[in-house]
């Protein structure tokens, strides 16, 4: 009669709690965000967790070095451990107004920082494969890092500087040249009103006396756009929408009609190849990219690893959402 011995326990492994299924997909963002909703509609409720820094107390049950227990969209507890794996997509770490009015150094600020610390631990859990990991996401949001990467792979990029001397900028870039935010492109003013910082054309005289490094801006050579391209990548898949620049301001977002005037385009194969190559170079499995087409051809101008696409034509948005959801569901 043979003797059957139990297999030894794997060091560090944590068994699933009774009646607890494995977590399959994590969406980091607000469940009411239209972009999150567009993907959620295509995912099963069981095993799908939606969480951000603002919803930790409702979506997280416990977290330890060995795993965690969460509440999925079906209202059931699901588990993440060394025996389970999941996939994730980072849309937003917290709602836009989450920290509004919080004073640095206050007790409220300390509470928000503690929430972000817990979320950061989840975001760096190696058992979750992210379409774009948090560290790659933070790096790719930096425009100087984007341009450095784009130049490294041979893409055309407008001449760009961060510089304290307006005269130098005028000499290098010509006049007028473009200034755009290096940090956040929106803020709340002292009256509580939301403000957007648009790309502007300026001269050295316009900037005379300004502290250009107090809140550093990017200065770029101005390109006279014939078309604007919004290119979206999900892994190796790519979609391009085109906007005729005729009659539009320098920053097309200033024109309300432009937000609904992009059309799907199939004539920019080389741009699409370059867009995927840039996303791969930055290790960003999802990107929304902005390109400008002028008399010299296409030029890369911006990349957002958590950007918006729902303003694009419906025949694109459905495919983008489906591609993200398909990746999250896994093979």
Protein backbone atom coordinates (compact mmCIF):
# COMPACT_ATOMS: atom_id res chain seq x y z
CA UNK A 1 0.00 0.00 0.00
CA UNK A 2 1.53 3.28 -1.07
CA UNK A 3 1.89 6.20 1.31
CA UNK A 4 0.75 9.57 -0.12
CA UNK A 5 2.22 12.61 1.59
CA UNK A 6 0.83 16.12 1.26
CA UNK A 7 2.87 18.53 -0.82
CA UNK A 8 4.88 20.99 1.32
CA UNK A 9 3.46 24.49 1.57
CA UNK A 10 5.02 27.10 -0.69
CA UNK A 11 6.83 29.68 1.39
CA UNK A 12 4.89 32.90 1.52
CA UNK A 13 1.81 31.48 -0.20
CA UNK A 14 -1.56 32.48 1.27
CA UNK A 15 -4.55 30.23 0.77
CA UNK A 16 -7.74 31.83 -0.46
CA UNK A 17 -10.20 32.55 2.36
CA UNK A 18 -13.33 30.34 2.33
CA UNK A 19 -15.99 31.48 -0.15
CA UNK A 20 -13.57 34.06 -1.60
CA UNK A 21 -12.93 34.12 -5.35
CA UNK A 22 -9.78 35.53 -6.96
CA UNK A 23 -9.69 39.11 -8.20
CA UNK A 24 -9.28 39.25 -11.99
CA UNK A 25 -9.21 42.91 -13.02
CA UNK A 26 -8.45 46.17 -11.22
CA UNK A 27 -9.55 49.53 -12.61
CA UNK A 28 -7.96 52.45 -10.79
CA UNK A 29 -10.35 55.35 -11.11
CA UNK A 30 -13.80 56.70 -10.39
CA UNK A 31 -16.61 54.30 -11.31
CA UNK A 32 -18.64 57.29 -12.55
CA UNK A 33 -15.89 58.40 -14.96
CA UNK A 34 -17.31 57.89 -18.50
CA UNK A 35 -14.03 56.32 -19.68
CA UNK A 36 -14.06 53.85 -16.79
CA UNK A 37 -17.74 53.08 -17.41
CA UNK A 38 -17.08 52.43 -21.10
CA UNK A 39 -14.64 49.66 -20.17
CA UNK A 40 -16.63 48.34 -17.19
CA UNK A 41 -19.63 47.63 -19.42
CA UNK A 42 -17.50 45.02 -21.18
CA UNK A 43 -16.17 43.27 -18.06
CA UNK A 44 -17.84 40.75 -15.76
CA UNK A 45 -18.87 42.15 -12.38
CA UNK A 46 -17.48 39.14 -10.60
CA UNK A 47 -13.76 39.55 -10.01
CA UNK A 48 -13.62 43.17 -11.23
CA UNK A 49 -12.54 45.75 -8.66
CA UNK A 50 -12.83 49.52 -9.14
CA UNK A 51 -10.80 51.48 -6.62
CA UNK A 52 -8.94 54.75 -6.21
CA UNK A 53 -7.58 56.80 -3.32
CA UNK A 54 -11.04 58.21 -2.59
CA UNK A 55 -12.78 54.82 -2.39
CA UNK A 56 -10.32 52.75 -0.37
CA UNK A 57 -12.72 52.35 2.54
CA UNK A 58 -15.50 50.93 0.34
CA UNK A 59 -13.44 48.74 -2.02
CA UNK A 60 -10.57 47.51 0.18
CA UNK A 61 -11.22 45.04 3.02
CA UNK A 62 -7.65 44.23 3.96
CA UNK A 63 -4.13 44.45 2.55
CA UNK A 64 -0.98 42.69 3.69
CA UNK A 65 2.44 41.93 2.21
CA UNK A 66 1.07 38.52 1.19
CA UNK A 67 -2.14 39.65 -0.47
CA UNK A 68 -5.38 41.54 -0.14
CA UNK A 69 -9.15 41.19 -0.04
CA UNK A 70 -11.38 43.56 -2.02
CA UNK A 71 -15.03 44.05 -2.89
CA UNK A 72 -15.83 43.43 -6.55
CA UNK A 73 -18.64 44.96 -8.59
CA UNK A 74 -20.90 42.02 -7.75
CA UNK A 75 -20.61 42.97 -4.07
CA UNK A 76 -18.55 39.88 -3.25
CA UNK A 77 -15.17 39.64 -1.56
CA UNK A 78 -12.33 38.71 -3.91
CA UNK A 79 -8.75 37.91 -3.05
CA UNK A 80 -5.30 38.70 -4.41
CA UNK A 81 -2.48 36.42 -3.28
CA UNK A 82 0.65 34.70 -4.47
CA UNK A 83 -1.63 31.99 -5.90
CA UNK A 84 -3.62 34.44 -8.03
CA UNK A 85 -2.84 36.99 -10.69
CA UNK A 86 -4.83 39.89 -12.07
CA UNK A 87 -4.61 42.64 -14.68
CA UNK A 88 -5.14 46.34 -14.20
CA UNK A 89 -5.63 49.71 -15.89
CA UNK A 90 -4.82 53.04 -14.23
CA UNK A 91 -7.19 55.78 -15.36
CA UNK A 92 -6.93 58.23 -12.41
CA UNK A 93 -5.44 57.79 -8.94
CA UNK A 94 -8.11 60.03 -7.39
CA UNK A 95 -11.00 62.26 -8.52
CA UNK A 96 -10.03 65.70 -9.79
CA UNK A 97 -11.39 67.58 -6.75
CA UNK A 98 -10.32 64.99 -4.20
CA UNK A 99 -7.75 67.18 -2.44
CA UNK A 100 -9.34 70.59 -3.14
CA UNK A 101 -8.75 73.03 -0.28
CA UNK A 102 -6.41 70.71 1.60
CA UNK A 103 -3.65 72.66 3.37
CA UNK A 104 -0.13 71.26 3.09
CA UNK A 105 1.06 69.97 6.44
CA UNK A 106 -2.47 69.71 7.86
CA UNK A 107 -4.08 66.64 9.39
CA UNK A 108 -6.26 66.31 6.28
CA UNK A 109 -3.17 66.31 4.08
CA UNK A 110 -1.64 63.57 6.22
CA UNK A 111 -4.80 61.46 5.85
CA UNK A 112 -4.80 61.87 2.07
CA UNK A 113 -1.10 60.99 1.91
CA UNK A 114 -1.74 57.81 3.91
CA UNK A 115 -4.46 56.79 1.43
CA UNK A 116 -2.13 57.39 -1.49
CA UNK A 117 0.55 55.30 0.23
CA UNK A 118 -1.83 52.34 0.50
CA UNK A 119 -2.88 52.77 -3.13
CA UNK A 120 0.77 52.98 -4.22
CA UNK A 121 1.44 49.63 -2.54
CA UNK A 122 -1.37 48.06 -4.57
CA UNK A 123 -0.14 49.70 -7.77
CA UNK A 124 3.31 48.17 -7.26
CA UNK A 125 2.04 44.66 -6.51
CA UNK A 126 3.86 42.32 -8.90
CA UNK A 127 0.84 39.97 -8.96
CA UNK A 128 -1.04 42.56 -11.02
CA UNK A 129 -0.02 43.11 -14.63
CA UNK A 130 -0.80 46.71 -15.53
CA UNK A 131 -1.51 47.92 -19.04
CA UNK A 132 0.74 50.81 -17.94
CA UNK A 133 2.52 50.52 -14.60
CA UNK A 134 2.42 53.46 -12.20
CA UNK A 135 6.12 54.30 -12.50
CA UNK A 136 6.03 54.23 -16.29
CA UNK A 137 2.84 56.30 -16.15
CA UNK A 138 4.40 59.02 -13.98
CA UNK A 139 7.51 59.12 -16.17
CA UNK A 140 5.51 59.30 -19.41
CA UNK A 141 3.36 62.18 -18.12
CA UNK A 142 6.49 64.36 -18.05
CA UNK A 143 6.66 66.20 -21.37
CA UNK A 144 10.44 66.51 -21.29
CA UNK A 145 10.69 62.74 -20.83
CA UNK A 146 8.29 62.28 -23.76
CA UNK A 147 10.33 64.50 -26.07
CA UNK A 148 13.57 62.85 -24.99
CA UNK A 149 12.10 59.46 -25.86
CA UNK A 150 10.66 60.70 -29.15
CA UNK A 151 14.01 62.15 -30.23
CA UNK A 152 15.79 58.95 -29.18
CA UNK A 153 13.74 56.91 -31.65
CA UNK A 154 14.06 59.48 -34.41
CA UNK A 155 10.65 61.17 -34.35
CA UNK A 156 10.19 64.75 -35.48
CA UNK A 157 9.66 66.98 -32.43
CA UNK A 158 9.38 70.79 -32.28
CA UNK A 159 12.48 72.48 -30.86
CA UNK A 160 11.78 72.69 -27.12
CA UNK A 161 13.31 74.51 -24.14
CA UNK A 162 12.76 75.28 -20.49
CA UNK A 163 14.64 78.53 -20.07
CA UNK A 164 14.70 81.65 -17.89
CA UNK A 165 15.80 83.99 -20.71
CA UNK A 166 13.08 85.16 -23.17
CA UNK A 167 15.70 86.62 -25.52
CA UNK A 168 17.39 83.24 -25.83
CA UNK A 169 14.07 81.58 -26.59
CA UNK A 170 13.29 84.12 -29.30
CA UNK A 171 16.73 83.65 -30.87
CA UNK A 172 16.45 79.85 -30.90
CA UNK A 173 12.78 79.43 -31.73
CA UNK A 174 11.91 82.52 -33.72
CA UNK A 175 8.97 84.76 -32.93
CA UNK A 176 6.28 84.20 -32.03
CA UNK A 177 7.00 80.96 -30.24
CA UNK A 178 4.71 78.70 -28.25
CA UNK A 179 4.48 78.30 -24.48
CA UNK A 180 2.54 75.47 -22.83
CA UNK A 181 2.24 74.11 -19.29
CA UNK A 182 4.94 71.74 -18.12
CA UNK A 183 2.83 70.76 -15.11
CA UNK A 184 -0.96 70.58 -14.71
CA UNK A 185 -2.92 72.28 -17.47
CA UNK A 186 -5.77 73.31 -15.19
CA UNK A 187 -6.26 74.76 -11.72
CA UNK A 188 -8.86 76.30 -9.41
CA UNK A 189 -8.44 80.05 -8.86
CA UNK A 190 -8.97 81.99 -5.63
CA UNK A 191 -12.66 82.42 -6.48
CA UNK A 192 -13.15 78.67 -6.83
CA UNK A 193 -13.43 78.81 -10.62
CA UNK A 194 -11.84 76.12 -12.79
CA UNK A 195 -9.23 77.51 -15.18
CA UNK A 196 -7.54 75.87 -18.16
CA UNK A 197 -4.04 76.88 -19.21
CA UNK A 198 -4.02 76.74 -23.01
CA UNK A 199 -1.09 76.73 -25.39
CA UNK A 200 -0.27 80.32 -26.36
CA UNK A 201 1.86 82.17 -28.91
CA UNK A 202 4.13 84.80 -27.34
CA UNK A 203 7.13 87.01 -28.05
CA UNK A 204 10.13 87.78 -25.89
CA UNK A 205 8.59 91.17 -25.12
CA UNK A 206 5.42 89.49 -23.84
CA UNK A 207 7.53 87.65 -21.29
CA UNK A 208 9.79 90.54 -20.27
CA UNK A 209 10.14 90.61 -16.49
CA UNK A 210 8.41 87.26 -15.95
CA UNK A 211 10.01 84.60 -13.79
CA UNK A 212 9.97 81.78 -16.32
CA UNK A 213 11.24 79.24 -13.81
CA UNK A 214 8.89 80.22 -10.97
CA UNK A 215 6.32 77.92 -12.57
CA UNK A 216 8.32 76.46 -15.46
CA UNK A 217 6.67 76.38 -18.88
CA UNK A 218 7.75 74.65 -22.05
CA UNK A 219 8.72 76.92 -24.92
CA UNK A 220 8.53 75.46 -28.43
CA UNK A 221 8.97 76.45 -32.03
CA UNK A 222 5.58 77.27 -33.49
CA UNK A 223 4.21 74.87 -36.10
CA UNK A 224 1.46 76.07 -38.44
CA UNK A 225 -0.93 73.14 -38.33
CA UNK A 226 -2.79 71.87 -41.36
CA UNK A 227 -4.25 69.00 -39.34
CA UNK A 228 -4.33 67.79 -35.76
CA UNK A 229 -4.09 64.05 -35.12
CA UNK A 230 -5.27 62.21 -32.00
CA UNK A 231 -3.63 58.77 -31.99
CA UNK A 232 -4.71 56.15 -29.43
CA UNK A 233 -2.68 53.01 -28.75
CA UNK A 234 -3.62 49.91 -26.76
CA UNK A 235 -0.62 47.61 -26.83
CA UNK A 236 0.04 47.03 -30.57
CA UNK A 237 -3.40 48.26 -31.71
CA UNK A 238 -3.70 51.85 -32.89
CA UNK A 239 -6.41 54.26 -34.07
CA UNK A 240 -6.06 57.73 -35.61
CA UNK A 241 -8.54 60.59 -35.82
CA UNK A 242 -7.88 63.77 -37.79
CA UNK A 243 -9.07 67.36 -37.33
CA UNK A 244 -8.76 69.95 -40.10
CA UNK A 245 -6.94 72.91 -38.53
CA UNK A 246 -8.44 75.50 -40.89
CA UNK A 247 -10.09 78.32 -38.97
CA UNK A 248 -9.13 76.89 -35.57
CA UNK A 249 -7.11 78.66 -32.86
CA UNK A 250 -3.56 77.61 -32.02
CA UNK A 251 -4.94 75.42 -29.23
CA UNK A 252 -7.89 73.67 -30.89
CA UNK A 253 -9.48 72.99 -27.47
CA UNK A 254 -10.55 76.66 -27.35
CA UNK A 255 -13.06 76.01 -30.16
CA UNK A 256 -16.13 74.14 -28.94
CA UNK A 257 -16.89 72.74 -32.40
CA UNK A 258 -13.45 71.14 -32.61
CA UNK A 259 -14.27 68.74 -29.77
CA UNK A 260 -16.81 67.02 -32.03
CA UNK A 261 -15.12 67.41 -35.42
CA UNK A 262 -12.44 64.70 -35.45
CA UNK A 263 -12.91 62.07 -38.16
CA UNK A 264 -11.34 58.65 -38.35
CA UNK A 265 -8.39 58.53 -40.72
CA UNK A 266 -6.49 55.66 -42.31
CA UNK A 267 -3.89 57.68 -44.17
CA UNK A 268 -1.26 58.01 -41.44
CA UNK A 269 0.33 54.56 -41.34
CA UNK A 270 3.79 55.90 -40.58
CA UNK A 271 2.47 58.01 -37.69
CA UNK A 272 0.67 54.99 -36.27
CA UNK A 273 3.83 52.89 -36.45
CA UNK A 274 5.80 55.65 -34.72
CA UNK A 275 3.09 56.09 -32.08
CA UNK A 276 3.24 52.40 -31.15
CA UNK A 277 7.04 52.52 -31.13
CA UNK A 278 7.00 55.54 -28.79
CA UNK A 279 4.50 53.88 -26.45
CA UNK A 280 6.68 50.77 -26.32
CA UNK A 281 9.79 52.86 -25.67
CA UNK A 282 8.03 54.51 -22.71
CA UNK A 283 6.52 51.17 -21.56
CA UNK A 284 3.02 52.59 -21.76
CA UNK A 285 0.56 49.97 -22.98
CA UNK A 286 -2.12 52.64 -23.41
CA UNK A 287 -1.59 56.16 -24.75
CA UNK A 288 -3.47 59.10 -26.22
CA UNK A 289 -1.07 61.06 -28.42
CA UNK A 290 -1.32 64.42 -30.16
CA UNK A 291 0.48 65.05 -33.43
CA UNK A 292 0.50 68.11 -35.69
CA UNK A 293 0.76 67.95 -39.47
CA UNK A 294 2.28 71.06 -41.06
CA UNK A 295 3.93 71.74 -44.40
CA UNK A 296 6.90 69.57 -43.38
CA UNK A 297 4.77 66.60 -42.33
CA UNK A 298 3.77 65.07 -38.99
CA UNK A 299 5.39 66.08 -35.69
CA UNK A 300 4.82 64.58 -32.25
CA UNK A 301 3.63 67.11 -29.64
CA UNK A 302 2.11 65.30 -26.63
CA UNK A 303 1.40 61.94 -24.99
CA UNK A 304 -1.00 61.10 -22.16
CA UNK A 305 -0.88 57.56 -20.67
CA UNK A 306 -4.28 58.11 -19.04
CA UNK A 307 -5.88 60.34 -21.65
CA UNK A 308 -9.35 60.81 -23.07
CA UNK A 309 -10.79 59.26 -26.22
CA UNK A 310 -14.57 59.43 -25.89
CA UNK A 311 -14.77 62.67 -27.90
CA UNK A 312 -13.56 60.75 -30.96
CA UNK A 313 -15.90 59.09 -33.51
CA UNK A 314 -18.09 56.31 -32.12
CA UNK A 315 -16.63 53.70 -34.44
CA UNK A 316 -13.27 54.31 -32.77
CA UNK A 317 -14.33 54.68 -29.14
CA UNK A 318 -16.14 51.34 -29.07
CA UNK A 319 -13.09 49.55 -30.44
CA UNK A 320 -10.73 51.26 -27.98
CA UNK A 321 -12.91 50.34 -25.00
CA UNK A 322 -13.25 46.77 -26.28
CA UNK A 323 -9.48 46.47 -26.73
CA UNK A 324 -8.83 47.63 -23.15
CA UNK A 325 -11.49 45.32 -21.77
CA UNK A 326 -10.18 42.39 -23.80
CA UNK A 327 -6.68 42.92 -22.44
CA UNK A 328 -8.01 43.13 -18.87
CA UNK A 329 -9.95 39.88 -19.29
CA UNK A 330 -6.72 38.19 -20.31
CA UNK A 331 -6.03 35.31 -22.66
